[in-house]
């Protein structure tokens, strides 16, 4: 099965049994993301990320510049549950 077929099957499973108003809201959000051209603004491989200060899991602020001063930095994002 190709990627398109896998994505189509996943979409079908995720949408199954959801109320029409929920599906409408989900589709509207995806359309808004597409229209915003957000994909054109994302960092590409090799781009330098902007400096940031964010809370960690213990709610302590973490400064990316301080971490970079100690060595390489890997940032991971978790979507969580919707």
N, C-alpha and C. Protein backbone atom coordinates (compact mmCIF):
# COMPACT_ATOMS: atom_id res chain seq x y z
N UNK A 1 0.86 -1.18 0.00
CA UNK A 1 0.00 0.00 0.00
C UNK A 1 0.90 1.24 0.00
N UNK A 2 0.59 2.18 -0.89
CA UNK A 2 1.36 3.41 -0.99
C UNK A 2 0.96 4.40 0.11
N UNK A 3 1.73 5.48 0.20
CA UNK A 3 1.49 6.49 1.24
C UNK A 3 0.10 7.10 1.10
N UNK A 4 -0.30 7.44 -0.12
CA UNK A 4 -1.63 8.05 -0.30
C UNK A 4 -2.73 7.12 0.20
N UNK A 5 -2.61 5.85 -0.11
CA UNK A 5 -3.62 4.88 0.33
C UNK A 5 -3.60 4.74 1.84
N UNK A 6 -2.41 4.72 2.44
CA UNK A 6 -2.32 4.63 3.90
C UNK A 6 -2.95 5.85 4.56
N UNK A 7 -2.68 7.03 4.02
CA UNK A 7 -3.25 8.26 4.59
C UNK A 7 -4.77 8.28 4.43
N UNK A 8 -5.24 7.82 3.30
CA UNK A 8 -6.68 7.76 3.08
C UNK A 8 -7.35 6.80 4.07
N UNK A 9 -6.73 5.65 4.28
CA UNK A 9 -7.28 4.67 5.24
C UNK A 9 -7.25 5.24 6.65
N UNK A 10 -6.18 5.94 6.99
CA UNK A 10 -6.08 6.55 8.32
C UNK A 10 -7.17 7.60 8.50
N UNK A 11 -7.36 8.44 7.50
CA UNK A 11 -8.41 9.46 7.58
C UNK A 11 -9.78 8.82 7.78
N UNK A 12 -10.05 7.77 7.03
CA UNK A 12 -11.33 7.06 7.16
C UNK A 12 -11.53 6.54 8.58
N UNK A 13 -10.49 5.92 9.14
CA UNK A 13 -10.58 5.40 10.51
C UNK A 13 -10.78 6.52 11.53
N UNK A 14 -10.04 7.61 11.37
CA UNK A 14 -10.13 8.71 12.34
C UNK A 14 -11.46 9.44 12.28
N UNK A 15 -12.07 9.47 11.10
CA UNK A 15 -13.34 10.18 10.95
C UNK A 15 -14.55 9.31 11.26
N UNK A 16 -14.37 8.02 11.29
CA UNK A 16 -15.49 7.10 11.50
C UNK A 16 -16.18 7.37 12.84
N UNK A 17 -17.48 7.51 12.78
CA UNK A 17 -18.27 7.65 14.00
C UNK A 17 -18.26 9.03 14.63
N UNK A 18 -17.55 9.97 14.04
CA UNK A 18 -17.54 11.33 14.61
C UNK A 18 -18.76 12.09 14.10
N UNK A 19 -19.32 12.93 14.96
CA UNK A 19 -20.49 13.71 14.54
C UNK A 19 -20.13 14.64 13.37
N UNK A 20 -21.09 14.92 12.48
CA UNK A 20 -20.82 15.78 11.32
C UNK A 20 -20.26 17.15 11.69
N UNK A 21 -20.73 17.73 12.81
CA UNK A 21 -20.24 19.06 13.19
C UNK A 21 -18.77 19.01 13.60
N UNK A 22 -18.33 17.90 14.17
CA UNK A 22 -16.92 17.74 14.53
C UNK A 22 -16.08 17.61 13.26
N UNK A 23 -16.54 16.82 12.32
CA UNK A 23 -15.83 16.67 11.05
C UNK A 23 -15.74 18.00 10.31
N UNK A 24 -16.81 18.75 10.32
CA UNK A 24 -16.81 20.07 9.67
C UNK A 24 -15.77 20.97 10.30
N UNK A 25 -15.71 20.97 11.62
CA UNK A 25 -14.74 21.78 12.34
C UNK A 25 -13.30 21.33 12.03
N UNK A 26 -13.08 20.03 12.02
CA UNK A 26 -11.75 19.50 11.72
C UNK A 26 -11.31 19.89 10.31
N UNK A 27 -12.20 19.72 9.34
CA UNK A 27 -11.88 20.04 7.95
C UNK A 27 -11.64 21.53 7.77
N UNK A 28 -12.42 22.35 8.46
CA UNK A 28 -12.24 23.80 8.39
C UNK A 28 -10.87 24.19 8.93
N UNK A 29 -10.46 23.57 10.03
CA UNK A 29 -9.14 23.88 10.61
C UNK A 29 -8.02 23.50 9.65
N UNK A 30 -8.14 22.36 8.99
CA UNK A 30 -7.13 21.94 8.02
C UNK A 30 -7.10 22.91 6.84
N UNK A 31 -8.28 23.30 6.35
CA UNK A 31 -8.34 24.25 5.24
C UNK A 31 -7.70 25.58 5.62
N UNK A 32 -7.95 26.05 6.85
CA UNK A 32 -7.36 27.31 7.30
C UNK A 32 -5.84 27.21 7.35
N UNK A 33 -5.31 26.07 7.79
CA UNK A 33 -3.87 25.88 7.79
C UNK A 33 -3.31 25.92 6.38
N UNK A 34 -3.97 25.25 5.46
CA UNK A 34 -3.51 25.26 4.07
C UNK A 34 -3.53 26.68 3.50
N UNK A 35 -4.60 27.41 3.75
CA UNK A 35 -4.74 28.77 3.23
C UNK A 35 -3.74 29.75 3.86
N UNK A 36 -3.29 29.45 5.07
CA UNK A 36 -2.36 30.35 5.76
C UNK A 36 -0.95 30.29 5.19
N UNK A 37 -0.68 29.31 4.36
CA UNK A 37 0.66 29.08 3.79
C UNK A 37 1.68 28.80 4.88
N UNK A 38 1.23 28.22 5.97
CA UNK A 38 2.13 27.91 7.09
C UNK A 38 3.26 26.98 6.66
N UNK A 39 2.98 26.07 5.75
CA UNK A 39 4.01 25.12 5.31
C UNK A 39 5.19 25.83 4.66
N UNK A 40 4.94 26.97 4.05
CA UNK A 40 6.01 27.73 3.40
C UNK A 40 6.89 28.46 4.42
N UNK A 41 6.41 28.60 5.65
CA UNK A 41 7.13 29.35 6.68
C UNK A 41 7.93 28.48 7.63
N UNK A 42 7.78 27.15 7.51
CA UNK A 42 8.47 26.27 8.45
C UNK A 42 9.95 26.22 8.15
N UNK A 43 10.72 25.87 9.17
CA UNK A 43 12.16 25.72 9.00
C UNK A 43 12.44 24.51 8.12
N UNK A 44 13.44 24.64 7.31
CA UNK A 44 13.87 23.54 6.45
C UNK A 44 15.10 22.88 7.09
N UNK A 45 15.42 21.69 6.62
CA UNK A 45 16.60 20.99 7.11
C UNK A 45 17.80 21.91 6.95
N UNK A 46 18.55 22.06 8.03
CA UNK A 46 19.75 22.91 8.00
C UNK A 46 19.51 24.34 8.42
N UNK A 47 18.23 24.79 8.48
CA UNK A 47 17.93 26.15 8.93
C UNK A 47 18.24 26.29 10.41
N UNK A 48 18.59 27.48 10.80
CA UNK A 48 18.85 27.76 12.22
C UNK A 48 17.54 28.21 12.87
N UNK A 49 17.18 27.56 13.94
CA UNK A 49 15.95 27.91 14.66
C UNK A 49 16.16 29.21 15.43
N UNK A 50 15.11 30.00 15.60
CA UNK A 50 15.24 31.22 16.41
C UNK A 50 15.44 30.86 17.88
N UNK A 51 16.07 31.76 18.60
CA UNK A 51 16.26 31.56 20.04
C UNK A 51 14.88 31.56 20.72
N UNK A 52 14.78 30.84 21.84
CA UNK A 52 13.51 30.77 22.55
C UNK A 52 13.74 30.54 24.03
N UNK A 53 12.73 30.88 24.80
CA UNK A 53 12.67 30.56 26.23
C UNK A 53 11.29 29.94 26.45
N UNK A 54 11.29 28.68 26.90
CA UNK A 54 10.03 27.95 27.10
C UNK A 54 10.08 27.18 28.40
N UNK A 55 8.91 26.89 28.99
CA UNK A 55 8.90 26.08 30.21
C UNK A 55 9.15 24.61 29.87
N UNK A 56 9.90 23.95 30.76
CA UNK A 56 10.10 22.51 30.59
C UNK A 56 8.98 21.76 31.31
N UNK A 57 9.12 20.45 31.43
CA UNK A 57 8.08 19.62 32.04
C UNK A 57 7.83 19.99 33.50
N UNK A 58 8.82 20.62 34.15
CA UNK A 58 8.68 21.04 35.55
C UNK A 58 8.34 22.51 35.69
N UNK A 59 7.92 23.12 34.57
CA UNK A 59 7.54 24.54 34.53
C UNK A 59 8.71 25.49 34.79
N UNK A 60 9.96 25.02 34.67
CA UNK A 60 11.12 25.90 34.77
C UNK A 60 11.45 26.42 33.37
N UNK A 61 11.73 27.72 33.28
CA UNK A 61 12.04 28.28 31.98
C UNK A 61 13.42 27.82 31.51
N UNK A 62 13.47 27.46 30.24
CA UNK A 62 14.70 26.97 29.62
C UNK A 62 15.03 27.89 28.46
N UNK A 63 16.26 28.40 28.44
CA UNK A 63 16.71 29.32 27.39
C UNK A 63 17.56 28.54 26.39
N UNK A 64 17.15 28.57 25.13
CA UNK A 64 17.89 27.82 24.11
C UNK A 64 19.33 28.29 23.97
N UNK A 65 19.59 29.57 24.15
CA UNK A 65 20.96 30.07 24.06
C UNK A 65 21.85 29.48 25.15
N UNK A 66 21.31 29.32 26.35
CA UNK A 66 22.09 28.71 27.43
C UNK A 66 22.39 27.25 27.13
N UNK A 67 21.42 26.55 26.58
CA UNK A 67 21.63 25.14 26.23
C UNK A 67 22.65 25.02 25.11
N UNK A 68 22.57 25.87 24.10
CA UNK A 68 23.51 25.83 22.98
C UNK A 68 24.93 26.13 23.42
N UNK A 69 25.07 26.92 24.47
CA UNK A 69 26.41 27.23 24.98
C UNK A 69 27.09 25.98 25.53
N UNK A 70 26.29 24.97 25.89
CA UNK A 70 26.83 23.71 26.42
C UNK A 70 27.07 22.67 25.33
N UNK A 71 26.51 22.89 24.12
CA UNK A 71 26.69 21.92 23.05
C UNK A 71 25.49 21.89 22.13
N UNK A 72 25.39 20.84 21.33
CA UNK A 72 24.28 20.72 20.38
C UNK A 72 22.95 20.63 21.12
N UNK A 73 21.90 21.03 20.43
CA UNK A 73 20.57 21.05 21.02
C UNK A 73 19.59 20.37 20.08
N UNK A 74 18.82 19.45 20.62
CA UNK A 74 17.75 18.80 19.87
C UNK A 74 16.43 19.18 20.53
N UNK A 75 15.50 19.67 19.74
CA UNK A 75 14.19 20.08 20.25
C UNK A 75 13.14 19.13 19.69
N UNK A 76 12.31 18.60 20.56
CA UNK A 76 11.26 17.67 20.16
C UNK A 76 9.91 18.26 20.56
N UNK A 77 8.94 18.14 19.67
CA UNK A 77 7.60 18.64 19.95
C UNK A 77 6.64 17.47 20.06
N UNK A 78 5.79 17.54 21.05
CA UNK A 78 4.77 16.52 21.23
C UNK A 78 3.41 17.17 21.04
N UNK A 79 2.62 16.61 20.18
CA UNK A 79 1.29 17.15 19.88
C UNK A 79 0.34 16.91 21.03
N UNK A 80 0.51 15.82 21.72
CA UNK A 80 -0.43 15.48 22.79
C UNK A 80 -1.69 14.87 22.19
N UNK A 81 -2.72 14.74 23.00
CA UNK A 81 -3.98 14.15 22.51
C UNK A 81 -4.95 15.27 22.20
N UNK A 82 -5.68 15.11 21.12
CA UNK A 82 -6.70 16.10 20.74
C UNK A 82 -8.03 15.64 21.19
